[in-house]
Amino acid sequence: MNNQTILADNVIAGSIAKFILEGDAEITYWLGRQFWGQGIATRALKDFLAIETARPIFGRVAFDSLGSQKVLEKCGFVRIGADKGFANARQAEVEEYIYKLD
């Protein structure tokens, strides 16, 4: 596992991590709502992928999280499927899209 803090102007804005799930490398990130829409997540993911070179690497995003879908796509991830998964932030099972970066 590789876990990093996301900083914005020396303030903790969120976190980003790579973990292994069933043998596959996966990326996850969280960003405080006040930091959304400023390009911080995209910049953090691009920087993280420069040092975390495991490929392929997968990302999962809730079907209605358009911002997160755009972040993954701007970083070269391609949507490859859909699934259902438990979203901790929502405390519920949600439809999610699966993305992959080769």
N, C-alpha and C. Protein backbone atom coordinates (compact mmCIF):
# COMPACT_ATOMS: atom_id res chain seq x y z
N MET A 1 0.84 -1.18 0.00
CA MET A 1 0.00 0.00 0.00
C MET A 1 0.89 1.25 0.00
N ASN A 2 0.45 2.24 -0.74
CA ASN A 2 1.12 3.53 -0.79
C ASN A 2 0.05 4.57 -0.48
N ASN A 3 0.18 5.28 0.62
CA ASN A 3 -0.82 6.24 1.05
C ASN A 3 -0.16 7.61 1.18
N GLN A 4 -0.76 8.63 0.54
CA GLN A 4 -0.19 9.98 0.54
C GLN A 4 -1.26 10.99 0.97
N THR A 5 -0.82 12.09 1.54
CA THR A 5 -1.70 13.20 1.88
C THR A 5 -1.73 14.18 0.71
N ILE A 6 -2.91 14.70 0.39
CA ILE A 6 -3.05 15.72 -0.65
C ILE A 6 -3.07 17.07 0.05
N LEU A 7 -2.13 17.94 -0.35
CA LEU A 7 -2.06 19.29 0.21
C LEU A 7 -2.48 20.32 -0.83
N ALA A 8 -3.17 21.36 -0.38
CA ALA A 8 -3.52 22.49 -1.23
C ALA A 8 -3.14 23.75 -0.45
N ASP A 9 -2.14 24.46 -0.93
CA ASP A 9 -1.64 25.65 -0.22
C ASP A 9 -1.29 25.33 1.23
N ASN A 10 -0.57 24.22 1.40
CA ASN A 10 -0.11 23.75 2.72
C ASN A 10 -1.24 23.41 3.69
N VAL A 11 -2.43 23.14 3.17
CA VAL A 11 -3.57 22.70 3.97
C VAL A 11 -3.91 21.28 3.52
N ILE A 12 -4.20 20.40 4.47
CA ILE A 12 -4.60 19.04 4.10
C ILE A 12 -5.95 19.10 3.39
N ALA A 13 -5.94 18.63 2.14
CA ALA A 13 -7.15 18.66 1.31
C ALA A 13 -7.77 17.27 1.19
N GLY A 14 -6.97 16.22 1.40
CA GLY A 14 -7.47 14.87 1.22
C GLY A 14 -6.36 13.85 1.28
N SER A 15 -6.64 12.70 0.69
CA SER A 15 -5.65 11.62 0.67
C SER A 15 -5.81 10.82 -0.62
N ILE A 16 -4.74 10.11 -0.96
CA ILE A 16 -4.73 9.26 -2.15
C ILE A 16 -3.90 8.04 -1.82
N ALA A 17 -4.31 6.88 -2.35
CA ALA A 17 -3.61 5.64 -2.02
C ALA A 17 -3.74 4.61 -3.13
N LYS A 18 -2.76 3.73 -3.17
CA LYS A 18 -2.82 2.52 -3.99
C LYS A 18 -2.90 1.35 -3.04
N PHE A 19 -3.76 0.39 -3.36
CA PHE A 19 -3.86 -0.82 -2.56
C PHE A 19 -4.07 -1.99 -3.50
N ILE A 20 -3.91 -3.19 -2.98
CA ILE A 20 -4.09 -4.41 -3.77
C ILE A 20 -5.39 -5.08 -3.33
N LEU A 21 -6.25 -5.37 -4.30
CA LEU A 21 -7.51 -6.05 -4.04
C LEU A 21 -7.62 -7.22 -4.99
N GLU A 22 -7.65 -8.41 -4.43
CA GLU A 22 -7.73 -9.64 -5.23
C GLU A 22 -6.66 -9.68 -6.30
N GLY A 23 -5.45 -9.25 -5.96
CA GLY A 23 -4.31 -9.32 -6.85
C GLY A 23 -4.16 -8.15 -7.80
N ASP A 24 -5.13 -7.22 -7.83
CA ASP A 24 -5.07 -6.07 -8.73
C ASP A 24 -4.74 -4.81 -7.96
N ALA A 25 -3.91 -3.94 -8.57
CA ALA A 25 -3.61 -2.63 -7.99
C ALA A 25 -4.81 -1.72 -8.23
N GLU A 26 -5.25 -1.03 -7.17
CA GLU A 26 -6.37 -0.10 -7.28
C GLU A 26 -5.97 1.23 -6.66
N ILE A 27 -6.56 2.28 -7.19
CA ILE A 27 -6.32 3.63 -6.70
C ILE A 27 -7.58 4.11 -5.99
N THR A 28 -7.39 4.86 -4.94
CA THR A 28 -8.51 5.49 -4.26
C THR A 28 -8.07 6.87 -3.81
N TYR A 29 -8.99 7.79 -3.79
CA TYR A 29 -8.67 9.12 -3.26
C TYR A 29 -9.92 9.73 -2.66
N TRP A 30 -9.68 10.67 -1.77
CA TRP A 30 -10.76 11.43 -1.14
C TRP A 30 -10.30 12.88 -1.07
N LEU A 31 -11.21 13.79 -1.33
CA LEU A 31 -10.91 15.22 -1.30
C LEU A 31 -12.06 15.93 -0.60
N GLY A 32 -11.74 16.79 0.35
CA GLY A 32 -12.76 17.57 1.04
C GLY A 32 -13.58 18.39 0.05
N ARG A 33 -14.87 18.47 0.29
CA ARG A 33 -15.79 19.14 -0.63
C ARG A 33 -15.35 20.57 -0.98
N GLN A 34 -14.76 21.29 -0.02
CA GLN A 34 -14.36 22.67 -0.28
C GLN A 34 -13.23 22.77 -1.30
N PHE A 35 -12.60 21.62 -1.65
CA PHE A 35 -11.51 21.62 -2.61
C PHE A 35 -11.94 21.11 -3.98
N TRP A 36 -13.19 20.72 -4.13
CA TRP A 36 -13.69 20.20 -5.41
C TRP A 36 -13.67 21.29 -6.47
N GLY A 37 -13.49 20.87 -7.72
CA GLY A 37 -13.60 21.77 -8.85
C GLY A 37 -12.45 22.73 -9.06
N GLN A 38 -11.33 22.47 -8.39
CA GLN A 38 -10.17 23.36 -8.50
C GLN A 38 -8.98 22.70 -9.19
N GLY A 39 -9.17 21.47 -9.68
CA GLY A 39 -8.08 20.75 -10.33
C GLY A 39 -7.13 20.07 -9.37
N ILE A 40 -7.43 20.11 -8.08
CA ILE A 40 -6.53 19.54 -7.06
C ILE A 40 -6.47 18.03 -7.17
N ALA A 41 -7.61 17.38 -7.36
CA ALA A 41 -7.63 15.91 -7.45
C ALA A 41 -6.88 15.44 -8.69
N THR A 42 -7.09 16.11 -9.81
CA THR A 42 -6.40 15.72 -11.05
C THR A 42 -4.89 15.87 -10.88
N ARG A 43 -4.47 16.99 -10.34
CA ARG A 43 -3.04 17.23 -10.11
C ARG A 43 -2.45 16.19 -9.16
N ALA A 44 -3.19 15.90 -8.08
CA ALA A 44 -2.71 14.92 -7.10
C ALA A 44 -2.60 13.53 -7.72
N LEU A 45 -3.59 13.15 -8.53
CA LEU A 45 -3.54 11.82 -9.15
C LEU A 45 -2.41 11.74 -10.16
N LYS A 46 -2.22 12.77 -10.97
CA LYS A 46 -1.10 12.76 -11.94
C LYS A 46 0.24 12.64 -11.21
N ASP A 47 0.41 13.39 -10.15
CA ASP A 47 1.65 13.33 -9.37
C ASP A 47 1.83 11.95 -8.74
N PHE A 48 0.76 11.40 -8.22
CA PHE A 48 0.81 10.09 -7.57
C PHE A 48 1.18 9.00 -8.59
N LEU A 49 0.59 9.06 -9.77
CA LEU A 49 0.86 8.05 -10.81
C LEU A 49 2.28 8.14 -11.34
N ALA A 50 2.92 9.29 -11.18
CA ALA A 50 4.32 9.43 -11.61
C ALA A 50 5.26 8.65 -10.68
N ILE A 51 4.87 8.50 -9.42
CA ILE A 51 5.73 7.77 -8.48
C ILE A 51 5.21 6.35 -8.22
N GLU A 52 3.93 6.13 -8.44
CA GLU A 52 3.34 4.81 -8.25
C GLU A 52 3.14 4.20 -9.64
N THR A 53 4.08 3.35 -10.03
CA THR A 53 4.14 2.91 -11.42
C THR A 53 3.48 1.55 -11.68
N ALA A 54 2.79 0.98 -10.71
CA ALA A 54 2.10 -0.30 -10.93
C ALA A 54 1.09 -0.13 -12.06
N ARG A 55 1.14 -1.02 -13.03
CA ARG A 55 0.18 -1.04 -14.13
C ARG A 55 -0.11 -2.49 -14.47
N PRO A 56 -1.30 -2.84 -14.83
CA PRO A 56 -2.44 -1.92 -14.86
C PRO A 56 -2.85 -1.54 -13.44
N ILE A 57 -3.55 -0.42 -13.35
CA ILE A 57 -4.10 0.03 -12.08
C ILE A 57 -5.56 0.42 -12.34
N PHE A 58 -6.40 0.08 -11.40
CA PHE A 58 -7.84 0.25 -11.57
C PHE A 58 -8.37 1.33 -10.63
N GLY A 59 -9.47 1.93 -11.01
CA GLY A 59 -10.17 2.88 -10.17
C GLY A 59 -11.66 2.60 -10.27
N ARG A 60 -12.38 2.80 -9.19
CA ARG A 60 -13.83 2.64 -9.17
C ARG A 60 -14.44 3.94 -8.71
N VAL A 61 -15.55 4.30 -9.33
CA VAL A 61 -16.19 5.57 -9.01
C VAL A 61 -17.71 5.39 -9.09
N ALA A 62 -18.41 6.02 -8.16
CA ALA A 62 -19.87 5.96 -8.17
C ALA A 62 -20.40 6.51 -9.49
N PHE A 63 -21.47 5.88 -9.98
CA PHE A 63 -22.04 6.25 -11.28
C PHE A 63 -22.43 7.72 -11.37
N ASP A 64 -22.75 8.34 -10.24
CA ASP A 64 -23.20 9.73 -10.26
C ASP A 64 -22.12 10.73 -9.87
N SER A 65 -20.88 10.26 -9.72
CA SER A 65 -19.77 11.15 -9.36
C SER A 65 -19.04 11.60 -10.63
N LEU A 66 -19.66 12.53 -11.33
CA LEU A 66 -19.11 12.97 -12.62
C LEU A 66 -17.74 13.60 -12.47
N GLY A 67 -17.52 14.33 -11.38
CA GLY A 67 -16.21 14.95 -11.15
C GLY A 67 -15.11 13.91 -11.06
N SER A 68 -15.34 12.85 -10.31
CA SER A 68 -14.33 11.80 -10.17
C SER A 68 -14.12 11.05 -11.48
N GLN A 69 -15.19 10.87 -12.25
CA GLN A 69 -15.03 10.24 -13.56
C GLN A 69 -14.12 11.08 -14.44
N LYS A 70 -14.32 12.39 -14.42
CA LYS A 70 -13.49 13.29 -15.22
C LYS A 70 -12.03 13.27 -14.76
N VAL A 71 -11.81 13.21 -13.44
CA VAL A 71 -10.45 13.14 -12.92
C VAL A 71 -9.74 11.91 -13.48
N LEU A 72 -10.37 10.75 -13.38
CA LEU A 72 -9.75 9.52 -13.88
C LEU A 72 -9.48 9.62 -15.38
N GLU A 73 -10.46 10.11 -16.14
CA GLU A 73 -10.30 10.21 -17.59
C GLU A 73 -9.18 11.18 -17.98
N LYS A 74 -9.06 12.31 -17.27
CA LYS A 74 -7.98 13.26 -17.55
C LYS A 74 -6.61 12.66 -17.28
N CYS A 75 -6.57 11.64 -16.42
CA CYS A 75 -5.30 10.99 -16.07
C CYS A 75 -5.06 9.73 -16.91
N GLY A 76 -5.87 9.51 -17.93
CA GLY A 76 -5.63 8.41 -18.87
C GLY A 76 -6.39 7.13 -18.59
N PHE A 77 -7.21 7.10 -17.55
CA PHE A 77 -8.00 5.91 -17.25
C PHE A 77 -9.13 5.78 -18.28
N VAL A 78 -9.49 4.53 -18.59
CA VAL A 78 -10.55 4.23 -19.54
C VAL A 78 -11.61 3.40 -18.82
N ARG A 79 -12.88 3.77 -19.02
CA ARG A 79 -13.97 3.00 -18.40
C ARG A 79 -14.07 1.64 -19.07
N ILE A 80 -14.02 0.57 -18.27
CA ILE A 80 -14.04 -0.78 -18.82
C ILE A 80 -15.24 -1.60 -18.36
N GLY A 81 -16.04 -1.08 -17.44
CA GLY A 81 -17.19 -1.86 -16.99
C GLY A 81 -17.91 -1.19 -15.84
N ALA A 82 -18.86 -1.95 -15.28
CA ALA A 82 -19.65 -1.46 -14.16
C ALA A 82 -19.84 -2.59 -13.16
N ASP A 83 -20.14 -2.24 -11.93
CA ASP A 83 -20.32 -3.21 -10.86
C ASP A 83 -21.12 -2.52 -9.75
N LYS A 84 -21.39 -3.23 -8.71
CA LYS A 84 -21.97 -2.64 -7.51
C LYS A 84 -20.96 -2.81 -6.39
N GLY A 85 -20.84 -1.80 -5.54
CA GLY A 85 -19.90 -1.87 -4.44
C GLY A 85 -20.38 -1.02 -3.28
N PHE A 86 -19.86 -1.33 -2.11
CA PHE A 86 -20.23 -0.60 -0.91
C PHE A 86 -19.43 0.69 -0.84
N ALA A 87 -20.14 1.82 -0.73
CA ALA A 87 -19.49 3.13 -0.62
C ALA A 87 -19.48 3.53 0.85
N ASN A 88 -18.29 3.57 1.43
CA ASN A 88 -18.17 3.93 2.85
C ASN A 88 -18.77 5.30 3.14
N ALA A 89 -18.50 6.27 2.28
CA ALA A 89 -18.99 7.63 2.51
C ALA A 89 -20.51 7.70 2.53
N ARG A 90 -21.14 6.81 1.79
CA ARG A 90 -22.61 6.81 1.72
C ARG A 90 -23.24 5.75 2.62
N GLN A 91 -22.39 4.86 3.11
CA GLN A 91 -22.88 3.73 3.91
C GLN A 91 -23.97 2.95 3.19
N ALA A 92 -23.75 2.72 1.90
CA ALA A 92 -24.73 2.01 1.08
C ALA A 92 -24.03 1.39 -0.13
N GLU A 93 -24.69 0.41 -0.71
CA GLU A 93 -24.20 -0.17 -1.95
C GLU A 93 -24.63 0.73 -3.10
N VAL A 94 -23.70 1.01 -4.01
CA VAL A 94 -24.00 1.89 -5.14
C VAL A 94 -23.51 1.25 -6.44
N GLU A 95 -24.11 1.68 -7.53
CA GLU A 95 -23.63 1.33 -8.86
C GLU A 95 -22.33 2.10 -9.07
N GLU A 96 -21.32 1.43 -9.59
CA GLU A 96 -20.04 2.09 -9.81
C GLU A 96 -19.48 1.71 -11.17
N TYR A 97 -18.67 2.62 -11.71
CA TYR A 97 -17.95 2.35 -12.95
C TYR A 97 -16.54 1.93 -12.61
N ILE A 98 -16.01 1.00 -13.41
CA ILE A 98 -14.65 0.52 -13.24
C ILE A 98 -13.79 1.13 -14.34
N TYR A 99 -12.68 1.71 -13.93
CA TYR A 99 -11.73 2.33 -14.86
C TYR A 99 -10.38 1.60 -14.77
N LYS A 100 -9.63 1.65 -15.86
CA LYS A 100 -8.32 0.98 -15.91
C LYS A 100 -7.31 1.87 -16.61
N LEU A 101 -6.10 1.87 -16.07
CA LEU A 101 -4.97 2.56 -16.69
C LEU A 101 -3.88 1.52 -16.94
N ASP A 102 -3.51 1.36 -18.21
CA ASP A 102 -2.45 0.39 -18.57
C ASP A 102 -1.09 1.03 -18.49
